[in-house]
N, C-alpha and C. Protein backbone atom coordinates (compact mmCIF):
# COMPACT_ATOMS: atom_id res chain seq x y z
N MET A 1 0.51 -1.40 0.44
CA MET A 1 0.40 0.27 -0.07
C MET A 1 0.75 1.10 0.22
N ARG A 2 0.68 2.19 -0.87
CA ARG A 2 1.20 3.76 -0.90
C ARG A 2 0.81 4.46 0.18
N SER A 3 1.73 5.04 0.49
CA SER A 3 2.16 5.91 2.34
C SER A 3 0.66 7.45 1.33
N GLY A 4 -0.11 7.14 2.45
CA GLY A 4 -1.22 7.99 1.87
C GLY A 4 -2.71 7.94 1.01
N ARG A 5 -2.61 7.13 0.62
CA ARG A 5 -3.17 6.76 -0.06
C ARG A 5 -3.95 4.63 0.33
N ARG A 6 -5.33 4.82 0.06
CA ARG A 6 -5.95 3.25 0.02
C ARG A 6 -6.21 2.63 -1.30
N ASP A 7 -6.43 1.38 -1.27
CA ASP A 7 -5.83 0.20 -2.01
C ASP A 7 -7.53 0.29 -1.63
N CYS A 8 -7.84 0.57 -2.82
CA CYS A 8 -9.54 -0.31 -3.23
C CYS A 8 -9.78 -1.25 -2.96
N ARG A 9 -9.17 -2.58 -4.00
CA ARG A 9 -9.02 -3.69 -3.68
C ARG A 9 -8.85 -4.84 -2.21
N GLN A 10 -8.49 -3.13 -1.00
CA GLN A 10 -8.52 -4.31 0.05
C GLN A 10 -9.22 -3.35 0.89
N TYR A 11 -10.25 -2.68 0.17
CA TYR A 11 -11.64 -1.79 0.88
C TYR A 11 -12.80 -2.38 -0.16
N GLU A 12 -13.09 -3.91 -0.41
CA GLU A 12 -14.23 -3.73 -0.97
C GLU A 12 -15.47 -3.76 -0.55
N GLY A 13 -15.67 -2.62 -1.15
CA GLY A 13 -17.39 -2.24 -0.79
C GLY A 13 -17.21 -0.79 -0.06
N ALA A 14 -16.43 -0.52 -0.08
CA ALA A 14 -16.01 0.67 0.68
C ALA A 14 -16.18 1.35 0.07
N PRO A 15 -17.00 2.77 0.95
CA PRO A 15 -17.94 4.33 -0.13
C PRO A 15 -16.70 5.05 -0.64
N THR A 16 -15.14 4.71 0.05
CA THR A 16 -13.99 5.05 -0.50
C THR A 16 -13.86 4.94 -2.22
N CYS A 17 -13.96 3.70 -2.31
CA CYS A 17 -13.57 3.25 -3.79
C CYS A 17 -14.42 3.57 -4.50
N ILE A 18 -16.09 4.71 -4.08
CA ILE A 18 -16.59 4.90 -5.47
C ILE A 18 -16.93 6.74 -5.50
N THR A 19 -16.05 7.05 -4.31
CA THR A 19 -16.58 8.22 -3.53
C THR A 19 -15.36 9.46 -4.30
N GLU A 20 -14.83 9.33 -5.72
CA GLU A 20 -13.31 9.70 -5.76
C GLU A 20 -13.73 10.77 -6.60
N SER A 21 -13.32 11.80 -6.81
CA SER A 21 -13.52 13.01 -7.68
C SER A 21 -13.40 12.59 -9.23
N THR A 22 -12.54 11.84 -9.65
CA THR A 22 -12.74 10.93 -11.48
C THR A 22 -13.18 9.86 -11.35
N GLY A 23 -13.24 9.59 -12.45
CA GLY A 23 -13.01 7.87 -12.41
C GLY A 23 -11.69 7.31 -12.14
N GLN A 24 -10.72 8.12 -12.80
CA GLN A 24 -9.32 7.85 -12.78
C GLN A 24 -8.20 7.09 -11.70
N HIS A 25 -8.94 7.84 -10.69
CA HIS A 25 -8.01 6.27 -9.31
C HIS A 25 -8.68 5.61 -9.14
N ALA A 26 -10.12 5.26 -9.85
CA ALA A 26 -10.87 4.27 -9.26
C ALA A 26 -10.20 3.07 -10.49
N ALA A 27 -10.42 3.71 -11.63
CA ALA A 27 -10.15 3.05 -13.05
C ALA A 27 -8.27 2.62 -12.21
N ALA A 28 -7.47 3.26 -11.63
CA ALA A 28 -6.15 2.95 -11.05
C ALA A 28 -6.17 0.78 -10.60
N PHE A 29 -7.16 1.10 -10.31
CA PHE A 29 -7.05 -0.44 -9.00
C PHE A 29 -8.45 -1.09 -9.59
N GLY A 30 -8.61 -0.80 -10.73
CA GLY A 30 -9.29 -2.05 -11.28
C GLY A 30 -10.76 -1.67 -10.94
N VAL A 31 -10.97 -0.99 -10.49
CA VAL A 31 -12.53 -0.42 -10.45
C VAL A 31 -13.19 -0.19 -11.78
N THR A 32 -14.28 -0.73 -12.11
CA THR A 32 -14.73 0.06 -13.50
C THR A 32 -15.46 0.60 -13.66
N ASP A 33 -16.01 1.44 -14.55
CA ASP A 33 -17.87 2.59 -14.23
C ASP A 33 -18.62 1.66 -13.74
N ASP A 34 -19.14 0.07 -14.63
CA ASP A 34 -20.23 -0.61 -13.75
C ASP A 34 -19.95 -1.38 -12.27
N LEU A 35 -18.88 -0.92 -11.67
CA LEU A 35 -18.51 -1.35 -10.93
C LEU A 35 -18.93 -0.32 -10.02
N ARG A 36 -18.44 0.77 -10.06
CA ARG A 36 -18.69 2.14 -9.66
C ARG A 36 -20.21 2.36 -9.34
N ALA A 37 -20.94 2.56 -10.07
CA ALA A 37 -22.58 2.20 -10.58
C ALA A 37 -23.34 2.06 -9.82
N GLU A 38 -22.93 0.40 -9.29
CA GLU A 38 -23.64 -0.27 -8.85
C GLU A 38 -23.19 -0.64 -7.29
N ARG A 39 -21.88 -0.02 -6.83
CA ARG A 39 -21.86 0.46 -5.40
C ARG A 39 -22.29 1.37 -5.54
N LEU A 40 -22.16 2.57 -6.02
CA LEU A 40 -23.00 4.06 -5.77
C LEU A 40 -24.54 3.50 -5.19
N ALA A 41 -25.38 2.76 -6.30
CA ALA A 41 -26.91 2.46 -6.26
C ALA A 41 -27.11 2.17 -4.62
N ARG A 42 -25.64 0.94 -4.09
CA ARG A 42 -26.29 0.14 -3.54
C ARG A 42 -26.24 1.18 -2.19
N LEU A 43 -25.18 1.78 -2.26
CA LEU A 43 -25.17 2.77 -1.20
C LEU A 43 -26.17 3.72 -1.05
N GLU A 44 -26.52 4.75 -2.04
CA GLU A 44 -28.00 5.43 -2.15
C GLU A 44 -29.21 4.94 -1.87
N GLY A 45 -29.09 3.32 -1.93
CA GLY A 45 -30.41 2.51 -1.38
C GLY A 45 -30.24 2.00 -0.13
N ALA A 46 -29.38 2.24 0.86
CA ALA A 46 -28.96 1.86 2.08
C ALA A 46 -29.25 3.12 2.79
N TYR A 47 -29.62 4.80 2.43
CA TYR A 47 -29.77 5.81 2.92
C TYR A 47 -31.05 5.99 2.72
N GLU A 48 -32.18 5.21 2.32
CA GLU A 48 -33.37 5.84 2.20
C GLU A 48 -33.95 6.34 3.27
N HIS A 49 -33.57 5.61 4.71
CA HIS A 49 -34.46 5.77 5.85
C HIS A 49 -33.78 7.05 6.92
N LEU A 50 -33.08 7.62 5.74
CA LEU A 50 -32.43 8.91 6.80
C LEU A 50 -33.78 9.55 6.53
N ALA A 51 -33.38 10.88 7.54
CA ALA A 51 -34.01 11.72 7.43
C ALA A 51 -33.35 13.13 6.64
N THR A 52 -33.99 13.83 5.73
CA THR A 52 -32.98 15.27 5.00
C THR A 52 -33.47 16.03 5.90
N LYS A 53 -32.72 17.51 5.78
CA LYS A 53 -33.03 18.55 6.27
C LYS A 53 -34.60 18.77 5.82
N ALA A 54 -35.43 18.41 5.27
CA ALA A 54 -36.34 19.52 4.49
C ALA A 54 -37.23 18.62 5.63
N ASP A 55 -37.14 17.51 5.86
CA ASP A 55 -37.46 15.89 6.73
C ASP A 55 -37.69 17.49 7.95
N LEU A 56 -36.73 17.04 8.09
CA LEU A 56 -36.66 17.79 9.97
C LEU A 56 -37.08 18.62 10.51
N LYS A 57 -37.39 20.03 9.46
CA LYS A 57 -37.37 21.14 9.34
C LYS A 57 -39.44 21.00 9.30
N ASP A 58 -39.44 19.50 8.32
CA ASP A 58 -41.38 19.52 8.45
C ASP A 58 -41.53 18.72 9.47
N LEU A 59 -41.47 18.38 10.60
CA LEU A 59 -41.09 17.40 11.36
C LEU A 59 -40.64 18.41 12.51
N GLU A 60 -40.39 19.74 12.72
CA GLU A 60 -40.33 20.19 13.70
C GLU A 60 -41.20 20.88 13.60
N LEU A 61 -41.80 21.65 12.70
CA LEU A 61 -42.92 22.58 12.25
C LEU A 61 -44.41 21.67 12.62
N ARG A 62 -44.72 20.50 12.39
CA ARG A 62 -45.56 19.65 12.61
C ARG A 62 -45.36 19.97 14.67
N LEU A 63 -44.37 19.79 14.94
CA LEU A 63 -44.60 19.57 16.78
C LEU A 63 -45.02 20.03 17.30
N THR A 64 -44.31 21.99 16.95
CA THR A 64 -44.23 22.87 17.05
C THR A 64 -46.15 22.96 17.25
N SER A 65 -46.78 23.01 15.73
CA SER A 65 -48.06 23.16 15.84
C SER A 65 -48.39 21.94 17.10
N ASN A 66 -48.53 21.53 16.90
CA ASN A 66 -48.80 20.02 17.93
C ASN A 66 -48.71 20.46 19.27
N LEU A 67 -47.32 21.39 19.72
CA LEU A 67 -47.42 21.59 21.43
C LEU A 67 -48.71 22.60 21.84
N ARG A 68 -48.15 23.64 20.81
CA ARG A 68 -49.50 24.88 20.62
C ARG A 68 -50.43 24.77 20.83
N SER A 69 -51.27 23.90 20.07
CA SER A 69 -52.82 23.11 20.34
C SER A 69 -52.63 22.47 21.60
N LEU A 70 -51.38 21.52 22.77
CA LEU A 70 -51.86 21.09 23.67
C LEU A 70 -51.45 22.18 25.06
N GLU A 71 -50.74 22.72 24.28
CA GLU A 71 -51.11 24.22 25.54
C GLU A 71 -52.04 25.03 25.96
N THR A 72 -52.81 25.17 24.02
CA THR A 72 -54.01 25.80 24.20
C THR A 72 -54.93 24.92 24.95
N ARG A 73 -55.26 23.32 24.92
CA ARG A 73 -56.06 22.81 26.05
C ARG A 73 -56.37 22.70 27.09
N LEU A 74 -54.35 22.43 26.87
CA LEU A 74 -54.17 22.35 29.14
C LEU A 74 -54.59 24.13 29.76
N THR A 75 -54.32 25.27 28.99
CA THR A 75 -54.74 25.75 29.84
C THR A 75 -56.09 26.27 29.72
N VAL A 76 -56.85 25.79 28.57
CA VAL A 76 -58.41 25.53 28.82
C VAL A 76 -58.73 24.96 29.91
N ARG A 77 -58.95 23.42 30.34
CA ARG A 77 -59.04 22.60 31.06
C ARG A 77 -58.61 22.99 32.83
N LEU A 78 -57.39 23.60 32.73
CA LEU A 78 -56.48 24.51 34.01
C LEU A 78 -57.76 25.66 34.36
N MET A 79 -58.51 26.83 33.39
CA MET A 79 -58.91 27.79 33.90
C MET A 79 -60.71 26.84 33.99
N LEU A 80 -60.79 25.90 33.55
CA LEU A 80 -62.34 25.00 33.59
C LEU A 80 -61.90 24.80 35.15
N VAL A 81 -60.95 23.73 35.89
CA VAL A 81 -60.80 23.40 37.03
C VAL A 81 -61.25 24.85 37.84
N VAL A 82 -59.88 25.47 37.97
CA VAL A 82 -59.57 26.72 38.57
C VAL A 82 -60.87 27.50 39.24
N SER A 83 -62.12 27.61 38.00
CA SER A 83 -63.69 28.25 38.25
C SER A 83 -64.41 27.44 38.93
N LEU A 84 -64.14 25.91 39.12
CA LEU A 84 -64.91 25.38 39.51
C LEU A 84 -64.43 25.10 40.89
N ALA A 85 -63.40 24.97 41.17
CA ALA A 85 -62.47 25.10 42.80
C ALA A 85 -63.55 26.10 43.17
N THR A 86 -63.19 27.17 42.41
CA THR A 86 -63.72 28.43 43.37
C THR A 86 -64.97 28.64 43.64
N GLY A 87 -65.80 28.12 42.35
CA GLY A 87 -67.59 27.51 42.80
C GLY A 87 -67.87 26.87 43.70
N VAL A 88 -66.72 25.68 44.01
CA VAL A 88 -67.23 24.98 44.90
C VAL A 88 -66.78 25.48 46.48
N VAL A 89 -65.61 26.54 46.78
CA VAL A 89 -65.59 26.55 47.74
C VAL A 89 -66.76 28.10 48.19
N VAL A 90 -67.13 28.71 47.04
CA VAL A 90 -67.92 29.96 47.77
C VAL A 90 -69.31 28.71 47.93
N ALA A 91 -69.51 27.99 47.15
CA ALA A 91 -71.07 27.27 48.03
C ALA A 91 -70.99 26.78 49.37
N VAL A 92 -69.66 26.31 49.48
CA VAL A 92 -69.60 25.54 50.85
C VAL A 92 -69.42 27.10 51.76
N ASP A 93 -68.98 28.00 51.79
CA ASP A 93 -68.67 29.37 52.52
C ASP A 93 -70.28 29.43 52.91
N ARG A 94 -71.28 29.44 51.73
CA ARG A 94 -72.49 29.85 51.75
C ARG A 94 -73.27 29.40 52.85
N LEU A 95 -73.50 28.07 52.27
CA LEU A 95 -73.96 27.16 53.39
C LEU A 95 -73.65 26.98 54.86
N TRP A 96 -72.16 27.47 54.64
CA TRP A 96 -71.38 26.62 56.41
C TRP A 96 -71.43 28.58 56.97
N SER A 97 -72.49 29.45 56.59
CA SER A 97 -72.07 30.82 57.14
C SER A 97 -73.16 30.75 57.35
């Protein structure tokens, strides 16, 4: 192995074999264009389950909207409980006074 460079034949299937800026380096190690295309297609298929920045932004917007809705519902419920408790205290005070 030469200093500073990896031999693609030693790293069969590794992404370093197909991500060269030109095909000259891969061709020097006996990696054909068909093999590079096949490996690239395999790698692209392997990462389909990963989220993109746009996916993450969409998720953030949906979660923010859901949290705002939840906050509103909880605020209304809290106000209802406080009003009910106040009414119970006033009613008990009037009955026992």
